[in-house]
Amino acid sequence: MPRVDVVVAVRNEEQSIPVFLAQLAALPLPPDVSMKVIFIEDSSTDDTRPMLRRLARERTDVGY
């Protein structure tokens, strides 16, 4: 199965990440294509890092 990997650098984006993931999920991909989002966190001072850790544990389509 083909897969699209989206690599995103983030810093202090705890408010934006859920919106971003929802918008990606709404993209019309062919049924045989999966998507994985890989976040690169860069020294955030908010709760971005804990959020990404939690998302990576809970979802197979998110990496951190």
Protein backbone atom coordinates (compact mmCIF):
# COMPACT_ATOMS: atom_id res chain seq x y z
CA MET A 1 0.00 0.00 0.00
CA PRO A 2 1.46 3.41 -0.93
CA ARG A 3 2.02 5.85 1.92
CA VAL A 4 2.52 9.59 2.04
CA ASP A 5 4.77 10.83 4.86
CA VAL A 6 4.29 14.43 5.94
CA VAL A 7 7.23 15.80 7.94
CA VAL A 8 6.47 18.93 9.94
CA ALA A 9 8.78 21.03 12.11
CA VAL A 10 6.94 22.56 15.07
CA ARG A 11 7.75 24.87 17.95
CA ASN A 12 5.12 26.09 20.42
CA GLU A 13 2.24 24.79 18.30
CA GLU A 14 0.07 22.99 20.83
CA GLN A 15 -3.01 24.95 19.72
CA SER A 16 -2.37 24.38 16.00
CA ILE A 17 -1.55 20.67 15.92
CA PRO A 18 -5.12 19.36 16.40
CA VAL A 19 -6.41 21.72 13.70
CA PHE A 20 -3.57 20.73 11.36
CA LEU A 21 -4.24 17.00 11.86
CA ALA A 22 -7.96 17.49 11.24
CA GLN A 23 -7.27 19.35 8.01
CA LEU A 24 -4.87 16.65 6.82
CA ALA A 25 -7.44 13.97 7.63
CA ALA A 26 -9.95 15.81 5.45
CA LEU A 27 -7.72 15.63 2.36
CA PRO A 28 -9.17 13.45 -0.40
CA LEU A 29 -6.62 10.67 -0.78
CA PRO A 30 -7.18 7.61 -2.93
CA PRO A 31 -8.52 4.71 -0.83
CA ASP A 32 -5.32 2.69 -1.21
CA VAL A 33 -3.03 5.49 0.05
CA SER A 34 -2.27 5.96 3.74
CA MET A 35 -0.70 8.98 5.40
CA LYS A 36 1.66 9.34 8.32
CA VAL A 37 2.54 12.67 9.94
CA ILE A 38 5.97 12.91 11.51
CA PHE A 39 6.52 15.90 13.79
CA ILE A 40 9.98 17.32 14.48
CA GLU A 41 9.75 19.32 17.70
CA ASP A 42 12.21 22.18 18.21
CA SER A 43 12.57 23.22 21.87
CA SER A 44 8.97 24.20 22.54
CA THR A 45 8.23 26.01 25.79
CA ASP A 46 4.51 25.19 25.80
CA ASP A 47 2.89 21.75 25.94
CA THR A 48 3.73 20.83 22.35
CA ARG A 49 6.17 18.09 23.31
CA PRO A 50 3.86 16.28 25.77
CA MET A 51 1.03 16.53 23.25
CA LEU A 52 3.15 14.96 20.51
CA ARG A 53 4.28 12.16 22.81
CA ARG A 54 0.67 11.40 23.68
CA LEU A 55 -0.48 11.52 20.05
CA ALA A 56 2.37 9.22 18.97
CA ARG A 57 1.37 6.69 21.65
CA GLU A 58 -2.33 6.83 20.77
CA ARG A 59 -2.21 7.02 16.97
CA THR A 60 -0.35 4.91 14.45
CA ASP A 61 -0.54 7.68 11.85
CA VAL A 62 1.45 10.16 14.00
CA GLY A 63 5.15 10.00 14.77
CA TYR A 64 7.33 12.20 16.95
